[in-house]
Protein backbone atom coordinates (compact mmCIF):
# COMPACT_ATOMS: atom_id res chain seq x y z
CA MET A 1 -0.11 0.04 -0.10
CA ARG A 2 1.36 3.46 -0.88
CA ARG A 3 1.53 6.01 1.79
CA PRO A 4 0.04 9.53 0.90
CA ASN A 5 2.39 12.33 0.35
CA ARG A 6 3.11 14.62 3.35
CA SER A 7 2.92 18.34 3.17
CA SER A 8 5.68 20.81 3.83
CA PRO A 9 5.79 21.87 7.58
CA SER A 10 6.19 25.55 6.21
CA LEU A 11 2.58 25.15 4.87
CA GLY A 12 1.34 24.56 8.51
CA ARG A 13 -0.20 21.14 7.71
CA GLU A 14 2.60 18.84 8.68
CA ARG A 15 1.54 16.15 11.06
CA THR A 16 3.96 13.93 12.73
CA PRO A 17 2.53 10.55 13.32
CA PRO A 18 2.33 9.15 16.90
CA PRO A 19 5.11 6.84 17.90
CA THR A 20 2.89 3.83 17.53
CA GLU A 21 1.89 4.51 13.89
CA PRO A 22 4.11 2.44 11.56
CA GLY A 23 5.99 4.29 9.02
CA TRP A 24 8.13 7.28 9.42
CA VAL A 25 8.78 9.92 12.13
CA GLN A 26 10.16 13.30 11.33
CA GLY A 27 13.54 13.51 13.01
CA TYR A 28 15.12 16.77 11.72
CA ASN A 29 13.82 19.96 10.10
CA ALA A 30 16.51 21.96 8.12
CA GLN A 31 16.10 25.62 7.71
CA LEU A 32 17.97 27.65 5.14
CA VAL A 33 17.93 31.33 3.91
CA VAL A 34 19.64 31.83 0.47
CA THR A 35 20.01 34.67 -2.04
CA ASP A 36 18.56 34.61 -5.42
CA ASP A 37 21.80 32.96 -6.73
CA TYR A 38 21.81 30.39 -3.88
CA LEU A 39 24.32 31.85 -1.50
CA VAL A 40 23.56 30.53 1.86
CA LEU A 41 23.14 33.38 4.33
CA ALA A 42 21.88 31.38 7.35
CA HIS A 43 21.14 27.71 8.19
CA THR A 44 20.21 25.56 11.18
CA VAL A 45 18.68 22.05 11.79
CA THR A 46 16.16 21.50 14.48
CA GLN A 47 13.92 18.80 15.74
CA ASP A 48 10.74 21.04 15.63
CA THR A 49 8.05 19.44 13.66
CA ASN A 50 6.77 22.83 12.39
CA ASP A 51 9.16 25.63 11.18
CA THR A 52 6.89 28.62 11.56
CA ALA A 53 8.66 29.66 14.72
CA TRP A 54 11.89 29.79 12.87
CA PHE A 55 10.83 32.57 10.34
CA VAL A 56 12.09 35.59 12.53
CA PRO A 57 15.24 34.00 13.87
CA MET A 58 16.38 32.86 10.44
CA THR A 59 15.59 36.29 8.91
CA GLU A 60 17.42 38.08 11.69
CA ALA A 61 20.46 35.64 11.12
CA ALA A 62 20.41 36.33 7.35
CA LEU A 63 20.25 40.09 7.84
CA ALA A 64 23.20 39.96 10.27
CA THR A 65 25.21 37.78 7.71
CA ALA A 66 24.36 40.24 4.94
CA ALA A 67 25.57 43.17 7.15
CA THR A 68 28.82 41.50 7.93
CA ALA A 69 29.40 40.62 4.24
CA ALA A 70 28.88 44.16 3.26
CA THR A 71 31.75 45.15 5.38
CA VAL A 72 34.12 42.61 4.05
CA ALA A 73 36.47 43.57 1.14
CA PRO A 74 36.02 41.44 -1.92
CA VAL A 75 38.56 38.62 -2.65
CA ARG A 76 40.65 39.40 -5.75
CA ASP A 77 41.69 36.74 -8.34
CA PRO A 78 45.51 36.70 -7.92
CA ALA A 79 45.85 35.53 -11.45
CA GLY A 80 43.97 38.37 -12.90
């Protein structure tokens, strides 16, 4: 029997099955904040079953990284 697809926890419909249910149990929830070109600004891994509470902390971490990156001189290619 095929199990139904599970929704994303970011949609607020994720349900972790009780421990007595056969199948899977969500163990970890990875959070990423990336730029349009996929530069990672912030990341963490949690055991929270819903990632809604991580929106503000991850946004703050990304803004702090971006502010730090803006103060660092660009790396120059030694060959060029």
